[in-house]
PDB file of N, CA and C in Angstrom:
ATOM      1  N   MET A   1      62.485 167.616  74.710  1.00  0.00           N
ATOM      2  CA  MET A   1      63.266 166.498  75.192  1.00  0.00           C
ATOM      3  C   MET A   1      63.754 165.726  73.964  1.00  0.00           C
ATOM      4  N   PRO A   2      65.032 165.490  73.851  1.00  0.00           N
ATOM      5  CA  PRO A   2      65.556 164.869  72.632  1.00  0.00           C
ATOM      6  C   PRO A   2      65.470 163.340  72.595  1.00  0.00           C
ATOM      7  N   PHE A   3      65.052 162.688  73.688  1.00  0.00           N
ATOM      8  CA  PHE A   3      65.036 161.224  73.695  1.00  0.00           C
ATOM      9  C   PHE A   3      64.025 160.711  74.724  1.00  0.00           C
ATOM     10  N   GLY A   4      63.809 159.416  74.703  1.00  0.00           N
ATOM     11  CA  GLY A   4      62.999 158.770  75.731  1.00  0.00           C
ATOM     12  C   GLY A   4      61.504 158.859  75.516  1.00  0.00           C
ATOM     13  N   LYS A   5      60.782 158.483  76.555  1.00  0.00           N
ATOM     14  CA  LYS A   5      59.326 158.425  76.531  1.00  0.00           C
ATOM     15  C   LYS A   5      58.694 159.766  76.163  1.00  0.00           C
ATOM     16  N   TYR A   6      59.325 160.852  76.541  1.00  0.00           N
ATOM     17  CA  TYR A   6      58.780 162.189  76.303  1.00  0.00           C
ATOM     18  C   TYR A   6      59.529 162.933  75.199  1.00  0.00           C
ATOM     19  N   LYS A   7      60.047 162.188  74.246  1.00  0.00           N
ATOM     20  CA  LYS A   7      60.771 162.780  73.127  1.00  0.00           C
ATOM     21  C   LYS A   7      59.903 163.818  72.426  1.00  0.00           C
ATOM     22  N   ASP A   8      60.516 164.912  72.029  1.00  0.00           N
ATOM     23  CA  ASP A   8      59.880 166.013  71.300  1.00  0.00           C
ATOM     24  C   ASP A   8      58.944 166.869  72.159  1.00  0.00           C
ATOM     25  N   ARG A   9      58.974 166.722  73.463  1.00  0.00           N
ATOM     26  CA  ARG A   9      58.201 167.600  74.345  1.00  0.00           C
ATOM     27  C   ARG A   9      59.123 168.684  74.883  1.00  0.00           C
ATOM     28  N   PHE A  10      58.532 169.823  75.215  1.00  0.00           N
ATOM     29  CA  PHE A  10      59.296 170.884  75.851  1.00  0.00           C
ATOM     30  C   PHE A  10      59.687 170.430  77.260  1.00  0.00           C
ATOM     31  N   VAL A  11      60.852 170.811  77.700  1.00  0.00           N
ATOM     32  CA  VAL A  11      61.311 170.464  79.051  1.00  0.00           C
ATOM     33  C   VAL A  11      60.340 171.014  80.096  1.00  0.00           C
ATOM     34  N   THR A  12      59.734 172.137  79.807  1.00  0.00           N
ATOM     35  CA  THR A  12      58.776 172.736  80.747  1.00  0.00           C
ATOM     36  C   THR A  12      57.510 171.899  80.895  1.00  0.00           C
ATOM     37  N   ASP A  13      57.247 170.996  79.949  1.00  0.00           N
ATOM     38  CA  ASP A  13      56.039 170.174  79.982  1.00  0.00           C
ATOM     39  C   ASP A  13      56.263 168.766  80.525  1.00  0.00           C
ATOM     40  N   LEU A  14      57.465 168.466  80.939  1.00  0.00           N
ATOM     41  CA  LEU A  14      57.739 167.129  81.468  1.00  0.00           C
ATOM     42  C   LEU A  14      57.055 166.941  82.815  1.00  0.00           C
ATOM     43  N   PRO A  15      56.490 165.756  83.053  1.00  0.00           N
ATOM     44  CA  PRO A  15      55.846 165.519  84.349  1.00  0.00           C
ATOM     45  C   PRO A  15      56.877 165.388  85.473  1.00  0.00           C
ATOM     46  N   VAL A  16      56.444 165.722  86.657  1.00  0.00           N
ATOM     47  CA  VAL A  16      57.343 165.697  87.815  1.00  0.00           C
ATOM     48  C   VAL A  16      57.898 164.293  88.048  1.00  0.00           C
ATOM     49  N   HIS A  17      57.086 163.262  87.854  1.00  0.00           N
ATOM     50  CA  HIS A  17      57.580 161.899  88.114  1.00  0.00           C
ATOM     51  C   HIS A  17      58.761 161.539  87.221  1.00  0.00           C
ATOM     52  N   TYR A  18      58.783 162.073  86.005  1.00  0.00           N
ATOM     53  CA  TYR A  18      59.912 161.834  85.096  1.00  0.00           C
ATOM     54  C   TYR A  18      61.165 162.561  85.606  1.00  0.00           C
ATOM     55  N   LEU A  19      60.992 163.782  86.068  1.00  0.00           N
ATOM     56  CA  LEU A  19      62.115 164.531  86.629  1.00  0.00           C
ATOM     57  C   LEU A  19      62.612 163.892  87.915  1.00  0.00           C
ATOM     58  N   GLU A  20      61.706 163.327  88.712  1.00  0.00           N
ATOM     59  CA  GLU A  20      62.105 162.612  89.932  1.00  0.00           C
ATOM     60  C   GLU A  20      62.937 161.387  89.585  1.00  0.00           C
ATOM     61  N   TRP A  21      62.588 160.724  88.494  1.00  0.00           N
ATOM     62  CA  TRP A  21      63.362 159.563  88.050  1.00  0.00           C
ATOM     63  C   TRP A  21      64.798 159.977  87.723  1.00  0.00           C
ATOM     64  N   PHE A  22      64.957 161.080  87.010  1.00  0.00           N
ATOM     65  CA  PHE A  22      66.302 161.578  86.709  1.00  0.00           C
ATOM     66  C   PHE A  22      67.041 161.955  87.986  1.00  0.00           C
ATOM     67  N   GLU A  23      66.341 162.540  88.936  1.00  0.00           N
ATOM     68  CA  GLU A  23      66.955 162.911  90.211  1.00  0.00           C
ATOM     69  C   GLU A  23      67.554 161.674  90.894  1.00  0.00           C
ATOM     70  N   ARG A  24      66.836 160.567  90.823  1.00  0.00           N
ATOM     71  CA  ARG A  24      67.333 159.315  91.436  1.00  0.00           C
ATOM     72  C   ARG A  24      68.459 158.678  90.626  1.00  0.00           C
ATOM     73  N   LYS A  25      68.307 158.659  89.310  1.00  0.00           N
ATOM     74  CA  LYS A  25      69.251 157.951  88.435  1.00  0.00           C
ATOM     75  C   LYS A  25      70.462 158.786  88.022  1.00  0.00           C
ATOM     76  N   GLY A  26      70.314 160.090  88.036  1.00  0.00           N
ATOM     77  CA  GLY A  26      71.389 160.986  87.613  1.00  0.00           C
ATOM     78  C   GLY A  26      70.989 161.776  86.388  1.00  0.00           C
ATOM     79  N   TRP A  27      71.378 163.038  86.377  1.00  0.00           N
ATOM     80  CA  TRP A  27      71.044 163.934  85.279  1.00  0.00           C
ATOM     81  C   TRP A  27      71.961 163.666  84.094  1.00  0.00           C
ATOM     82  N   PRO A  28      71.480 163.855  82.872  1.00  0.00           N
ATOM     83  CA  PRO A  28      72.368 163.748  81.710  1.00  0.00           C
ATOM     84  C   PRO A  28      73.463 164.812  81.793  1.00  0.00           C
ATOM     85  N   ASP A  29      74.538 164.573  81.110  1.00  0.00           N
ATOM     86  CA  ASP A  29      75.633 165.541  81.068  1.00  0.00           C
ATOM     87  C   ASP A  29      75.230 166.773  80.274  1.00  0.00           C
ATOM     88  N   GLY A  30      75.913 167.853  80.541  1.00  0.00           N
ATOM     89  CA  GLY A  30      75.777 169.059  79.740  1.00  0.00           C
ATOM     90  C   GLY A  30      74.566 169.909  80.054  1.00  0.00           C
ATOM     91  N   GLN A  31      74.213 170.712  79.067  1.00  0.00           N
ATOM     92  CA  GLN A  31      73.160 171.698  79.224  1.00  0.00           C
ATOM     93  C   GLN A  31      71.792 171.057  79.470  1.00  0.00           C
ATOM     94  N   LEU A  32      71.527 169.931  78.823  1.00  0.00           N
ATOM     95  CA  LEU A  32      70.248 169.263  79.032  1.00  0.00           C
ATOM     96  C   LEU A  32      70.075 168.868  80.495  1.00  0.00           C
ATOM     97  N   GLY A  33      71.109 168.319  81.097  1.00  0.00           N
ATOM     98  CA  GLY A  33      71.053 167.952  82.507  1.00  0.00           C
ATOM     99  C   GLY A  33      70.804 169.154  83.398  1.00  0.00           C
ATOM    100  N   GLN A  34      71.408 170.273  83.064  1.00  0.00           N
ATOM    101  CA  GLN A  34      71.179 171.504  83.833  1.00  0.00           C
ATOM    102  C   GLN A  34      69.736 171.983  83.691  1.00  0.00           C
ATOM    103  N   PHE A  35      69.202 171.911  82.470  1.00  0.00           N
ATOM    104  CA  PHE A  35      67.810 172.303  82.254  1.00  0.00           C
ATOM    105  C   PHE A  35      66.864 171.413  83.048  1.00  0.00           C
ATOM    106  N   LEU A  36      67.094 170.107  83.004  1.00  0.00           N
ATOM    107  CA  LEU A  36      66.217 169.171  83.705  1.00  0.00           C
ATOM    108  C   LEU A  36      66.296 169.360  85.215  1.00  0.00           C
ATOM    109  N   ALA A  37      67.489 169.553  85.741  1.00  0.00           N
ATOM    110  CA  ALA A  37      67.650 169.775  87.182  1.00  0.00           C
ATOM    111  C   ALA A  37      66.972 171.073  87.610  1.00  0.00           C
ATOM    112  N   THR A  38      67.088 172.102  86.798  1.00  0.00           N
ATOM    113  CA  THR A  38      66.426 173.370  87.094  1.00  0.00           C
ATOM    114  C   THR A  38      64.916 173.201  87.070  1.00  0.00           C
ATOM    115  N   MET A  39      64.404 172.493  86.071  1.00  0.00           N
ATOM    116  CA  MET A  39      62.965 172.259  85.972  1.00  0.00           C
ATOM    117  C   MET A  39      62.472 171.444  87.158  1.00  0.00           C
ATOM    118  N   PHE A  40      63.262 170.497  87.616  1.00  0.00           N
ATOM    119  CA  PHE A  40      62.915 169.708  88.796  1.00  0.00           C
ATOM    120  C   PHE A  40      62.753 170.624  90.006  1.00  0.00           C
ATOM    121  N   GLU A  41      63.683 171.521  90.210  1.00  0.00           N
ATOM    122  CA  GLU A  41      63.612 172.449  91.347  1.00  0.00           C
ATOM    123  C   GLU A  41      62.395 173.368  91.233  1.00  0.00           C
ATOM    124  N   ILE A  42      62.139 173.869  90.044  1.00  0.00           N
ATOM    125  CA  ILE A  42      60.996 174.755  89.835  1.00  0.00           C
ATOM    126  C   ILE A  42      59.689 174.029  90.159  1.00  0.00           C
ATOM    127  N   LYS A  43      59.528 172.839  89.602  1.00  0.00           N
ATOM    128  CA  LYS A  43      58.269 172.122  89.775  1.00  0.00           C
ATOM    129  C   LYS A  43      58.086 171.575  91.185  1.00  0.00           C
ATOM    130  N   THR A  44      59.122 171.069  91.798  1.00  0.00           N
ATOM    131  CA  THR A  44      58.963 170.497  93.136  1.00  0.00           C
ATOM    132  C   THR A  44      58.798 171.565  94.210  1.00  0.00           C
ATOM    133  N   ASN A  45      59.146 172.801  93.887  1.00  0.00           N
ATOM    134  CA  ASN A  45      58.967 173.896  94.840  1.00  0.00           C
ATOM    135  C   ASN A  45      57.733 174.749  94.524  1.00  0.00           C
ATOM    136  N   GLY A  46      56.900 174.273  93.611  1.00  0.00           N
ATOM    137  CA  GLY A  46      55.653 174.957  93.297  1.00  0.00           C
ATOM    138  C   GLY A  46      55.825 176.299  92.617  1.00  0.00           C
ATOM    139  N   LEU A  47      56.870 176.450  91.830  1.00  0.00           N
ATOM    140  CA  LEU A  47      57.165 177.728  91.179  1.00  0.00           C
ATOM    141  C   LEU A  47      56.809 177.736  89.692  1.00  0.00           C
ATOM    142  N   ASP A  48      55.917 176.857  89.290  1.00  0.00           N
ATOM    143  CA  ASP A  48      55.560 176.717  87.875  1.00  0.00           C
ATOM    144  C   ASP A  48      55.135 178.033  87.225  1.00  0.00           C
ATOM    145  N   ARG A  49      54.538 178.926  87.986  1.00  0.00           N
ATOM    146  CA  ARG A  49      54.029 180.192  87.421  1.00  0.00           C
ATOM    147  C   ARG A  49      55.144 181.059  86.848  1.00  0.00           C
ATOM    148  N   ILE A  50      56.376 180.895  87.325  1.00  0.00           N
ATOM    149  CA  ILE A  50      57.460 181.703  86.758  1.00  0.00           C
ATOM    150  C   ILE A  50      57.745 181.320  85.303  1.00  0.00           C
ATOM    151  N   LEU A  51      57.252 180.167  84.880  1.00  0.00           N
ATOM    152  CA  LEU A  51      57.456 179.713  83.505  1.00  0.00           C
ATOM    153  C   LEU A  51      56.435 180.293  82.534  1.00  0.00           C
ATOM    154  N   ASP A  52      55.334 180.819  83.040  1.00  0.00           N
ATOM    155  CA  ASP A  52      54.255 181.310  82.176  1.00  0.00           C
ATOM    156  C   ASP A  52      54.715 182.339  81.146  1.00  0.00           C
ATOM    157  N   PRO A  53      55.472 183.368  81.525  1.00  0.00           N
ATOM    158  CA  PRO A  53      55.919 184.333  80.504  1.00  0.00           C
ATOM    159  C   PRO A  53      56.830 183.700  79.445  1.00  0.00           C
ATOM    160  N   ILE A  54      57.641 182.760  79.854  1.00  0.00           N
ATOM    161  CA  ILE A  54      58.546 182.083  78.917  1.00  0.00           C
ATOM    162  C   ILE A  54      57.732 181.241  77.943  1.00  0.00           C
ATOM    163  N   LYS A  55      56.781 180.480  78.464  1.00  0.00           N
ATOM    164  CA  LYS A  55      55.936 179.657  77.613  1.00  0.00           C
ATOM    165  C   LYS A  55      55.163 180.517  76.618  1.00  0.00           C
ATOM    166  N   LYS A  56      54.640 181.633  77.105  1.00  0.00           N
ATOM    167  CA  LYS A  56      53.856 182.519  76.252  1.00  0.00           C
ATOM    168  C   LYS A  56      54.699 183.092  75.117  1.00  0.00           C
ATOM    169  N   GLU A  57      55.922 183.466  75.420  1.00  0.00           N
ATOM    170  CA  GLU A  57      56.792 184.084  74.416  1.00  0.00           C
ATOM    171  C   GLU A  57      57.300 183.102  73.365  1.00  0.00           C
ATOM    172  N   TYR A  58      57.582 181.867  73.754  1.00  0.00           N
ATOM    173  CA  TYR A  58      58.249 180.926  72.852  1.00  0.00           C
ATOM    174  C   TYR A  58      57.360 179.851  72.249  1.00  0.00           C
ATOM    175  N   ARG A  59      56.049 179.950  72.461  1.00  0.00           N
ATOM    176  CA  ARG A  59      55.175 178.941  71.837  1.00  0.00           C
ATOM    177  C   ARG A  59      54.348 179.530  70.761  1.00  0.00           C
TER     178      ARG A  59
END
């Protein structure tokens, strides 16, 4: 995350309440907004396990 309370954290590690806040207030423009909206859908639908291979490969 490039800014805010969770600056320097991976988008995959953002808490759901932070993503819910963006859902209410509006997503940032561009690719970051798309990433955050996608992460919101993944986490709110209980699909976190699909991120495990990605996390393993890139950390």
